[in-house]
Amino acid sequence: MKVSIVIPIYNVAPYIEECIDSVMNQTWKGNLECILVDDCGTDNSMQVAENKLHGYQGPVSFRIVRHDKNRGLSAARNTGIDAATGDYVYFLDSDDEITPDCISMLVGPLKENTYDLIIGDYKITGSDMPKAPLLLKNRTVLYGNDVLNAYRKMEWYMLSVNKLYRVEFLNHHNLRFREGIIHEDELWSFQIACLAQSLYAVGYETYIYKIREGSITVKRNHERRCHCINVILKEMCNFAVLHQLQNSKDVHNLIHNFQIITLDSIHKEAPELLHSFYSEQRQMMKTSWGQSFMMDGMDIRKQLRDLHLLVPVPLAIPYLKLLFHFL
């Protein structure tokens, strides 16, 4: 079995050496390749990376794949998937690190079985921001709709990193990151959860997620963020129709929970954008309260969540603002 680690590189000169070190220091002695994707940054990140690789004679097979212009994180990850020759692909952000036993821990379950998705736990450094935890116990195995149901219940996290994805599964469903947006992990993990038929949870921290000033995580561009969120919502709705999942309660609630959470976020961060942001959603999603009622039955909380669909946009906005107080 072979594992491909994909590291997109863009303006991370102070961090890339430690990231590469963490790959070189893996205790797993199996067939491991690491694909560095040059996304045409403006600093000397690639020079630092190339200097680090110069003279390396360890067991990891490093390759550099170059873009001809900056295309963004999603495109760089897609380039990595397409270039990967492994049975499984693993995404590592270039300003983060993995623990020495990361790959060893994650490939362990594959000695006995094959899974579409293997997920480990992680820790955050550089910030006291709350962590979306891995709630599944160590050695938990999920099959079929239980994978999606566990994701809907937030038992496994949305981040795309720190997971082994079976490449044959990704290619069979033509799963790739949506390019040109931020918050791409929201859409990617939704799609993975909808289609993955097997998941194995490793309840150990195998990834070090670093928060730094200037990262995509820290920056806020409200207008672009609103646009990207609406793109994601539209893609989610289209994906559900394409894969005939529109009658799945888990899919329905993932989409509508994402809508409410992001509306609440915009209300707090950029209230002047809420009306236009929400109006676009109403035209795009075309969901009625009656449909939500049929889907959720007597679940009062979800009926209240979707009650805004009953009234015109100008009246829905005050209702939503009231709803946000109880989130």
Protein backbone atom coordinates (compact mmCIF):
# COMPACT_ATOMS: atom_id res chain seq x y z
CA MET A 1 0.00 0.00 0.00
CA LYS A 2 1.14 3.51 -0.82
CA VAL A 3 0.20 6.85 0.78
CA SER A 4 0.48 10.25 -0.93
CA ILE A 5 0.80 13.37 1.23
CA VAL A 6 -0.21 16.56 -0.60
CA ILE A 7 1.20 19.90 0.60
CA PRO A 8 0.06 23.06 -1.25
CA ILE A 9 2.68 25.80 -0.91
CA TYR A 10 1.92 29.52 -1.09
CA ASN A 11 3.75 32.26 0.87
CA VAL A 12 4.70 30.14 3.88
CA ALA A 13 8.48 30.62 3.97
CA PRO A 14 8.69 30.83 7.80
CA TYR A 15 6.78 27.55 8.25
CA ILE A 16 7.44 25.21 5.34
CA GLU A 17 10.71 23.79 6.68
CA GLU A 18 9.06 22.55 9.89
CA CYS A 19 6.18 21.14 7.85
CA ILE A 20 8.54 19.16 5.60
CA ASP A 21 10.56 18.06 8.64
CA SER A 22 7.42 16.52 10.11
CA VAL A 23 6.98 14.43 6.96
CA MET A 24 10.64 13.38 6.89
CA ASN A 25 10.36 12.29 10.54
CA GLN A 26 7.53 9.81 9.98
CA THR A 27 8.06 6.52 11.76
CA TRP A 28 6.09 4.59 9.13
CA LYS A 29 8.50 2.83 6.82
CA GLY A 30 6.00 1.90 4.14
CA ASN A 31 5.67 3.40 0.67
CA LEU A 32 5.20 7.12 1.28
CA GLU A 33 5.33 9.93 -1.26
CA CYS A 34 4.99 13.65 -0.60
CA ILE A 35 3.81 15.98 -3.35
CA LEU A 36 4.66 19.65 -2.91
CA VAL A 37 2.41 21.82 -5.07
CA ASP A 38 3.99 25.15 -6.00
CA ASP A 39 1.08 27.60 -6.19
CA CYS A 40 3.24 30.51 -7.34
CA GLY A 41 3.63 32.57 -4.20
CA THR A 42 5.48 35.87 -3.97
CA ASP A 43 7.98 34.91 -1.26
CA ASN A 44 10.83 32.38 -1.21
CA SER A 45 8.77 29.44 0.09
CA MET A 46 9.77 27.16 -2.77
CA GLN A 47 13.43 28.03 -2.42
CA VAL A 48 13.26 27.13 1.27
CA ALA A 49 11.49 23.87 0.40
CA GLU A 50 13.97 22.97 -2.33
CA ASN A 51 16.90 23.69 -0.02
CA LYS A 52 15.33 21.42 2.57
CA LEU A 53 14.97 18.58 0.05
CA HIS A 54 18.49 19.00 -1.34
CA GLY A 55 20.56 15.99 -0.40
CA TYR A 56 17.68 14.21 1.35
CA GLN A 57 18.09 10.43 1.08
CA GLY A 58 15.39 9.17 3.43
CA PRO A 59 12.50 6.80 2.73
CA VAL A 60 9.95 9.47 1.69
CA SER A 61 9.70 10.11 -2.06
CA PHE A 62 9.35 13.87 -2.53
CA ARG A 63 8.06 15.44 -5.76
CA ILE A 64 7.40 19.04 -6.75
CA VAL A 65 4.48 19.86 -9.05
CA ARG A 66 4.25 23.45 -10.27
CA HIS A 67 1.37 25.68 -11.31
CA ASP A 68 2.05 28.25 -14.01
CA LYS A 69 0.16 30.87 -11.96
CA ASN A 70 -1.46 31.22 -8.55
CA ARG A 71 -4.70 29.23 -8.53
CA GLY A 72 -5.59 28.91 -4.85
CA LEU A 73 -5.71 26.19 -2.21
CA SER A 74 -8.50 24.13 -3.78
CA ALA A 75 -6.74 23.96 -7.14
CA ALA A 76 -3.46 23.04 -5.47
CA ARG A 77 -5.11 20.17 -3.61
CA ASN A 78 -6.76 19.00 -6.83
CA THR A 79 -3.39 19.08 -8.58
CA GLY A 80 -2.03 16.95 -5.76
CA ILE A 81 -4.84 14.40 -6.08
CA ASP A 82 -4.28 14.14 -9.82
CA ALA A 83 -0.53 13.71 -9.35
CA ALA A 84 -0.83 11.17 -6.52
CA THR A 85 0.23 7.61 -7.20
CA GLY A 86 -0.81 6.29 -3.78
CA ASP A 87 -3.80 4.21 -2.77
CA TYR A 88 -4.65 6.89 -0.21
CA VAL A 89 -4.15 10.65 -0.25
CA TYR A 90 -3.61 12.86 2.81
CA PHE A 91 -3.78 16.68 2.90
CA LEU A 92 -1.28 18.63 5.00
CA ASP A 93 -1.36 22.43 5.06
CA SER A 94 2.08 23.95 4.58
CA ASP A 95 2.03 25.95 7.84
CA ASP A 96 1.00 22.94 9.94
CA GLU A 97 2.79 19.76 11.06
CA ILE A 98 2.00 16.09 11.57
CA THR A 99 3.12 14.01 14.51
CA PRO A 100 5.91 11.47 13.89
CA ASP A 101 3.49 8.55 14.18
CA CYS A 102 0.73 10.18 12.08
CA ILE A 103 0.84 7.99 8.98
CA SER A 104 1.66 4.89 11.01
CA MET A 105 -1.42 5.41 13.19
CA LEU A 106 -3.74 6.13 10.27
CA VAL A 107 -2.67 3.23 8.04
CA GLY A 108 -2.82 0.74 10.92
CA PRO A 109 -6.49 -0.19 10.32
CA LEU A 110 -5.74 -0.89 6.64
CA LYS A 111 -3.86 -4.04 7.57
CA GLU A 112 -7.22 -5.73 8.13
CA ASN A 113 -9.68 -3.89 5.89
CA THR A 114 -10.19 -1.12 3.33
CA TYR A 115 -12.02 2.11 4.18
CA ASP A 116 -13.08 5.11 2.12
CA LEU A 117 -12.04 7.44 4.94
CA ILE A 118 -9.73 7.20 7.94
CA ILE A 119 -9.73 10.13 10.33
CA GLY A 120 -7.46 11.05 13.23
CA ASP A 121 -7.76 13.65 15.96
CA TYR A 122 -5.76 16.91 16.02
CA LYS A 123 -4.67 19.72 18.30
CA ILE A 124 -4.57 23.52 17.82
CA THR A 125 -1.61 25.74 18.67
CA GLY A 126 -1.22 29.52 18.49
CA SER A 127 -4.79 30.32 19.47
CA ASP A 128 -7.43 29.60 22.09
CA MET A 129 -10.10 29.23 19.43
CA PRO A 130 -12.50 26.34 20.15
CA LYS A 131 -11.69 23.05 18.51
CA ALA A 132 -14.19 20.97 16.54
CA PRO A 133 -13.40 17.66 18.21
CA LEU A 134 -13.39 14.11 16.93
CA LEU A 135 -16.13 12.62 19.10
CA LEU A 136 -15.96 9.12 17.68
CA LYS A 137 -14.13 6.76 20.00
CA ASN A 138 -10.87 5.15 18.94
CA ARG A 139 -11.41 2.21 16.57
CA THR A 140 -14.97 3.23 15.75
CA VAL A 141 -16.02 1.85 12.37
CA LEU A 142 -19.02 3.27 10.48
CA TYR A 143 -20.67 1.97 7.33
CA GLY A 144 -23.28 3.30 4.91
CA ASN A 145 -25.57 6.06 6.08
CA ASP A 146 -24.00 5.99 9.56
CA VAL A 147 -21.04 7.93 8.10
CA LEU A 148 -23.33 10.77 7.00
CA ASN A 149 -25.40 10.64 10.17
CA ALA A 150 -22.30 10.95 12.36
CA TYR A 151 -21.13 13.95 10.33
CA ARG A 152 -24.53 15.62 10.70
CA LYS A 153 -24.27 15.11 14.47
CA MET A 154 -20.76 16.68 14.34
CA GLU A 155 -19.10 13.51 15.61
CA TRP A 156 -16.31 14.00 13.08
CA TYR A 157 -14.97 17.35 11.98
CA MET A 158 -15.29 19.34 8.77
CA LEU A 159 -11.57 20.05 8.15
CA SER A 160 -10.19 18.30 5.07
CA VAL A 161 -6.76 17.76 6.63
CA ASN A 162 -5.70 14.81 8.80
CA LYS A 163 -7.74 12.25 6.90
CA LEU A 164 -6.74 9.44 4.60
CA TYR A 165 -8.99 9.35 1.53
CA ARG A 166 -9.10 6.27 -0.68
CA VAL A 167 -8.08 7.57 -4.10
CA GLU A 168 -10.25 5.06 -5.96
CA PHE A 169 -13.26 6.35 -4.01
CA LEU A 170 -12.46 9.98 -4.90
CA ASN A 171 -11.96 9.18 -8.57
CA HIS A 172 -15.03 6.95 -8.84
CA HIS A 173 -17.25 9.83 -7.67
CA ASN A 174 -15.14 12.52 -9.39
CA LEU A 175 -14.68 14.28 -6.06
CA ARG A 176 -12.51 17.36 -6.26
CA PHE A 177 -12.38 20.65 -4.37
CA ARG A 178 -14.51 23.51 -5.73
CA GLU A 179 -11.98 26.02 -7.03
CA GLY A 180 -12.18 29.79 -6.64
CA ILE A 181 -13.83 29.88 -3.19
CA ILE A 182 -12.82 30.10 0.46
CA HIS A 183 -14.34 27.78 3.09
CA GLU A 184 -13.92 25.00 0.54
CA ASP A 185 -13.68 22.42 3.33
CA GLU A 186 -17.37 22.97 4.15
CA LEU A 187 -18.43 21.75 0.71
CA TRP A 188 -15.74 19.07 0.40
CA SER A 189 -16.56 17.39 3.72
CA PHE A 190 -20.30 17.55 3.02
CA GLN A 191 -19.73 15.72 -0.25
CA ILE A 192 -17.39 13.19 1.34
CA ALA A 193 -19.91 12.51 4.12
CA CYS A 194 -22.72 12.01 1.62
CA LEU A 195 -20.87 9.43 -0.47
CA ALA A 196 -18.37 7.65 1.78
CA GLN A 197 -19.51 4.13 2.61
CA SER A 198 -16.96 3.37 5.32
CA LEU A 199 -15.05 5.31 7.97
CA TYR A 200 -12.50 4.34 10.61
CA ALA A 201 -11.73 6.69 13.52
CA VAL A 202 -8.30 6.87 15.15
CA GLY A 203 -8.71 8.56 18.50
CA TYR A 204 -5.20 10.00 18.78
CA GLU A 205 -3.86 13.44 17.90
CA THR A 206 -1.90 13.02 14.68
CA TYR A 207 -2.01 16.60 13.35
CA ILE A 208 -0.83 19.97 14.71
CA TYR A 209 -3.10 22.73 13.38
CA LYS A 210 -1.40 26.12 13.72
CA ILE A 211 -3.26 29.42 13.80
CA ARG A 212 -1.19 32.37 12.61
CA GLU A 213 -1.87 36.00 11.80
CA GLY A 214 -2.48 36.51 8.10
CA SER A 215 -3.75 32.99 7.46
CA ILE A 216 -6.99 32.38 5.59
CA THR A 217 -8.46 31.26 8.91
CA VAL A 218 -7.74 34.63 10.54
CA LYS A 219 -8.50 37.03 7.68
CA ARG A 220 -12.04 38.27 7.08
CA ASN A 221 -13.26 39.61 3.76
CA HIS A 222 -16.98 39.80 4.35
CA GLU A 223 -18.20 40.38 0.80
CA ARG A 224 -16.11 37.56 -0.63
CA ARG A 225 -17.08 35.33 2.28
CA CYS A 226 -20.80 35.95 1.65
CA HIS A 227 -20.39 35.17 -2.02
CA CYS A 228 -18.49 31.96 -1.32
CA ILE A 229 -21.00 30.78 1.28
CA ASN A 230 -23.82 31.20 -1.23
CA VAL A 231 -21.81 29.31 -3.83
CA ILE A 232 -21.35 26.50 -1.31
CA LEU A 233 -25.07 26.41 -0.49
CA LYS A 234 -25.95 26.22 -4.16
CA GLU A 235 -23.39 23.47 -4.73
CA MET A 236 -24.78 21.53 -1.75
CA CYS A 237 -28.32 21.73 -3.12
CA ASN A 238 -27.23 20.72 -6.63
CA PHE A 239 -25.13 17.88 -5.23
CA ALA A 240 -28.11 16.53 -3.27
CA VAL A 241 -30.24 16.52 -6.42
CA LEU A 242 -27.49 14.98 -8.57
CA HIS A 243 -27.02 12.10 -6.16
CA GLN A 244 -30.74 11.78 -5.34
CA LEU A 245 -30.20 12.71 -1.70
CA GLN A 246 -32.76 15.51 -1.45
CA ASN A 247 -35.07 13.25 0.60
CA SER A 248 -32.35 12.40 3.12
CA LYS A 249 -33.08 13.98 6.49
CA ASP A 250 -29.37 14.19 7.26
CA VAL A 251 -28.62 16.02 4.00
CA HIS A 252 -31.61 18.33 4.45
CA ASN A 253 -30.50 19.30 7.96
CA LEU A 254 -26.85 19.71 7.04
CA ILE A 255 -27.81 22.21 4.35
CA HIS A 256 -30.27 24.14 6.52
CA ASN A 257 -28.05 24.13 9.61
CA PHE A 258 -25.20 25.47 7.49
CA GLN A 259 -27.50 28.21 6.20
CA ILE A 260 -28.60 29.34 9.67
CA ILE A 261 -25.09 29.21 11.16
CA THR A 262 -23.63 31.27 8.33
CA LEU A 263 -26.51 33.78 8.45
CA ASP A 264 -25.86 34.21 12.16
CA SER A 265 -22.16 34.74 11.46
CA ILE A 266 -22.83 37.39 8.83
CA HIS A 267 -25.35 39.09 11.11
CA LYS A 268 -22.65 39.45 13.76
CA GLU A 269 -19.72 40.32 11.49
CA ALA A 270 -21.32 42.33 8.67
CA PRO A 271 -25.00 43.07 9.42
CA GLU A 272 -25.25 45.47 6.48
CA LEU A 273 -24.84 42.48 4.13
CA LEU A 274 -27.47 40.26 5.74
CA HIS A 275 -30.47 41.31 3.63
CA SER A 276 -28.86 40.91 0.22
CA PHE A 277 -27.06 37.76 1.35
CA TYR A 278 -30.30 36.16 2.55
CA SER A 279 -32.34 37.35 -0.47
CA GLU A 280 -29.91 35.61 -2.79
CA GLN A 281 -30.24 32.43 -0.76
CA ARG A 282 -34.03 32.45 -0.92
CA GLN A 283 -33.99 32.72 -4.71
CA MET A 284 -31.28 30.11 -5.02
CA MET A 285 -32.47 27.38 -2.62
CA LYS A 286 -36.20 27.39 -3.44
CA THR A 287 -37.06 25.50 -0.25
CA SER A 288 -40.49 25.88 1.35
CA TRP A 289 -41.45 25.51 4.99
CA GLY A 290 -43.90 22.83 3.92
CA GLN A 291 -41.05 20.74 2.53
CA SER A 292 -39.11 21.20 5.73
CA PHE A 293 -42.14 20.21 7.79
CA MET A 294 -42.62 17.05 5.74
CA MET A 295 -38.95 16.23 6.21
CA ASP A 296 -38.71 16.96 9.95
CA GLY A 297 -42.15 15.93 11.17
CA MET A 298 -42.76 16.91 14.77
CA ASP A 299 -39.25 18.16 15.52
CA ILE A 300 -40.25 21.56 16.88
CA ARG A 301 -36.71 22.97 16.94
CA LYS A 302 -36.22 22.34 13.24
CA GLN A 303 -39.66 23.71 12.40
CA LEU A 304 -38.78 26.91 14.24
CA ARG A 305 -35.41 27.00 12.49
CA ASP A 306 -37.08 26.97 9.08
CA LEU A 307 -40.09 29.15 9.91
CA HIS A 308 -38.49 32.08 8.09
CA LEU A 309 -39.36 30.32 4.83
CA LEU A 310 -43.06 31.01 5.42
CA VAL A 311 -42.85 34.79 5.03
CA PRO A 312 -41.42 37.31 2.52
CA VAL A 313 -37.78 38.30 2.88
CA PRO A 314 -38.42 41.68 4.66
CA LEU A 315 -40.35 39.87 7.40
CA ALA A 316 -38.00 36.91 7.52
CA ILE A 317 -35.01 39.08 8.44
CA PRO A 318 -36.44 40.25 11.84
CA TYR A 319 -37.44 36.67 12.61
CA LEU A 320 -33.94 35.43 11.86
CA LYS A 321 -32.39 38.11 14.08
CA LEU A 322 -34.66 36.95 16.91
CA LEU A 323 -33.73 33.34 16.21
CA PHE A 324 -30.02 34.15 16.40
CA HIS A 325 -30.40 35.16 20.04
CA PHE A 326 -31.29 31.58 20.91
CA LEU A 327 -28.57 29.83 18.91
